[in-house]
Amino acid sequence: MATKEIEILNTAIARQEEIGLKIRGWCITLFSAITVAYLSDGFIDLSVGNYLIIVLISTFLFYLIESSHRLSEARAIKRSSSVEQIIRTDVMTYDGPLISQSLTSNPKQVLFEVLTNFRIFPTYIAMIVIAILIFLFSKGICFCEG
């Protein structure tokens, strides 16, 4: 019974990982499209400030969406670890399949871990840094001499 629960949890983890990668892919696509449209002369008339605001808000929203999807993944990983620990011990204290309960538990417990997960935020930080660099060095705004 415990091994079946681990299989189900691993399937849920893989599905959430796939969803997270799709969300990140859509964010990168949107970021690229907005940046190309902004940098292409005559394609769209976006001011430097509007470009930065649109990119920052959309990147932050995608980060929140991906983080919310990663909550159930983090819960499944936590439950899977506890079931594996039970299987490894000699004393069988398996508390039954708790798949739905473990995937819908209190999100406050894992929210901080998910929001600071190193697998999630570097992509979004990199996009924000790139947007700021484009903001600083594009369309005649340059802080260098000459």
Protein backbone atom coordinates (compact mmCIF):
# COMPACT_ATOMS: atom_id res chain seq x y z
CA MET A 1 0.00 0.00 0.00
CA ALA A 2 2.81 2.41 0.86
CA THR A 3 4.66 1.75 -2.39
CA LYS A 4 1.47 2.43 -4.36
CA GLU A 5 1.11 5.77 -2.57
CA ILE A 6 4.71 6.64 -3.48
CA GLU A 7 3.99 5.82 -7.14
CA ILE A 8 0.92 8.08 -7.12
CA LEU A 9 2.85 10.88 -5.41
CA ASN A 10 5.71 10.57 -7.91
CA THR A 11 3.20 10.88 -10.74
CA ALA A 12 1.77 14.02 -9.12
CA ILE A 13 5.27 15.44 -8.66
CA ALA A 14 6.15 14.81 -12.31
CA ARG A 15 2.89 16.40 -13.48
CA GLN A 16 3.43 19.51 -11.36
CA GLU A 17 7.04 19.77 -12.59
CA GLU A 18 5.77 19.66 -16.17
CA ILE A 19 3.16 22.35 -15.46
CA GLY A 20 5.82 24.54 -13.80
CA LEU A 21 8.10 24.24 -16.82
CA LYS A 22 5.24 25.14 -19.16
CA ILE A 23 4.41 28.22 -17.07
CA ARG A 24 8.05 29.28 -17.12
CA GLY A 25 8.20 28.69 -20.87
CA TRP A 26 5.17 30.91 -21.43
CA CYS A 27 6.75 33.60 -19.26
CA ILE A 28 9.99 33.50 -21.25
CA THR A 29 7.99 33.61 -24.50
CA LEU A 30 5.98 36.63 -23.34
CA PHE A 31 9.11 38.35 -22.02
CA SER A 32 10.89 37.77 -25.34
CA ALA A 33 7.92 39.00 -27.38
CA ILE A 34 7.55 42.17 -25.33
CA THR A 35 11.30 42.83 -25.51
CA VAL A 36 11.49 42.26 -29.28
CA ALA A 37 8.42 44.44 -29.82
CA TYR A 38 9.92 47.16 -27.65
CA LEU A 39 13.33 47.08 -29.33
CA SER A 40 11.94 46.91 -32.88
CA ASP A 41 11.59 50.42 -34.21
CA GLY A 42 8.13 51.19 -35.49
CA PHE A 43 6.60 47.87 -34.45
CA ILE A 44 5.05 49.12 -31.24
CA ASP A 45 5.42 52.43 -29.48
CA LEU A 46 6.26 51.59 -25.88
CA SER A 47 8.01 54.04 -23.64
CA VAL A 48 10.98 52.81 -21.64
CA GLY A 49 9.02 53.06 -18.40
CA ASN A 50 5.99 51.23 -19.79
CA TYR A 51 8.23 48.45 -21.09
CA LEU A 52 9.81 47.99 -17.70
CA ILE A 53 6.48 48.08 -15.85
CA ILE A 54 4.88 45.53 -18.21
CA VAL A 55 7.85 43.17 -17.99
CA LEU A 56 8.19 43.44 -14.21
CA ILE A 57 4.49 42.92 -13.53
CA SER A 58 4.11 40.02 -15.96
CA THR A 59 7.28 38.32 -14.69
CA PHE A 60 6.15 38.68 -11.08
CA LEU A 61 2.68 37.30 -11.91
CA PHE A 62 4.16 34.29 -13.70
CA TYR A 63 6.45 33.73 -10.69
CA LEU A 64 3.44 33.71 -8.37
CA ILE A 65 1.50 31.37 -10.67
CA GLU A 66 4.39 28.92 -10.89
CA SER A 67 4.95 29.10 -7.13
CA SER A 68 1.30 28.32 -6.44
CA HIS A 69 1.52 25.26 -8.70
CA ARG A 70 4.70 24.19 -6.95
CA LEU A 71 2.91 24.11 -3.57
CA SER A 72 1.27 20.76 -4.27
CA GLU A 73 4.55 19.45 -5.68
CA ALA A 74 6.34 20.42 -2.47
CA ARG A 75 3.61 18.77 -0.40
CA ALA A 76 3.83 15.59 -2.46
CA ILE A 77 7.61 15.51 -2.05
CA LYS A 78 7.24 15.97 1.70
CA ARG A 79 4.66 13.18 1.97
CA SER A 80 6.71 10.89 -0.29
CA SER A 81 9.74 11.42 1.94
CA SER A 82 7.77 10.52 5.05
CA VAL A 83 6.36 7.35 3.44
CA GLU A 84 9.84 6.34 2.27
CA GLN A 85 11.11 6.86 5.82
CA ILE A 86 8.34 4.62 7.16
CA ILE A 87 9.20 1.91 4.62
CA ARG A 88 12.90 2.03 5.62
CA THR A 89 12.20 1.55 9.32
CA ASP A 90 11.59 -1.84 10.85
CA VAL A 91 8.50 -0.68 12.70
CA MET A 92 5.55 -0.37 10.34
CA THR A 93 3.77 2.83 11.35
CA TYR A 94 2.28 3.56 7.94
CA ASP A 95 -0.73 5.82 8.43
CA GLY A 96 -2.55 4.80 5.29
CA PRO A 97 -2.76 6.55 1.96
CA LEU A 98 -3.08 10.27 2.67
CA ILE A 99 -2.66 11.53 -0.86
CA SER A 100 -5.51 14.02 -0.96
CA GLN A 101 -4.82 15.21 2.57
CA SER A 102 -1.10 15.67 1.92
CA LEU A 103 -1.69 17.57 -1.34
CA THR A 104 -4.26 19.96 0.17
CA SER A 105 -2.69 20.67 3.55
CA ASN A 106 -2.10 24.14 4.93
CA PRO A 107 -0.17 26.09 2.27
CA LYS A 108 1.42 28.46 4.81
CA GLN A 109 3.71 25.65 5.97
CA VAL A 110 5.46 25.30 2.61
CA LEU A 111 4.79 28.67 0.98
CA PHE A 112 8.09 30.25 2.06
CA GLU A 113 10.03 27.18 0.94
CA VAL A 114 8.37 27.27 -2.47
CA LEU A 115 8.81 31.02 -2.96
CA THR A 116 12.52 30.77 -2.15
CA ASN A 117 13.09 27.52 -4.04
CA PHE A 118 16.35 27.88 -5.95
CA ARG A 119 14.90 25.91 -8.86
CA ILE A 120 12.19 28.51 -9.39
CA PHE A 121 13.33 32.07 -8.82
CA PRO A 122 16.68 32.34 -10.72
CA THR A 123 14.90 32.34 -14.09
CA TYR A 124 12.63 35.17 -12.99
CA ILE A 125 15.48 37.12 -11.39
CA ALA A 126 17.48 36.79 -14.63
CA MET A 127 14.56 38.13 -16.68
CA ILE A 128 14.17 41.08 -14.32
CA VAL A 129 17.92 41.85 -14.52
CA ILE A 130 17.81 41.66 -18.33
CA ALA A 131 14.77 43.96 -18.41
CA ILE A 132 16.52 46.47 -16.16
CA LEU A 133 19.64 46.38 -18.35
CA ILE A 134 17.52 46.93 -21.45
CA PHE A 135 15.77 49.76 -19.60
CA LEU A 136 19.11 51.37 -18.75
CA PHE A 137 20.84 51.00 -22.12
CA SER A 138 18.13 51.21 -24.76
CA LYS A 139 16.51 53.86 -26.90
CA GLY A 140 19.07 56.56 -26.24
CA ILE A 141 19.18 56.15 -22.50
CA CYS A 142 22.78 55.40 -21.69
CA PHE A 143 24.69 56.33 -18.57
CA CYS A 144 28.08 56.02 -20.21
CA GLU A 145 30.23 58.89 -21.43
CA GLY A 146 30.71 59.57 -25.08
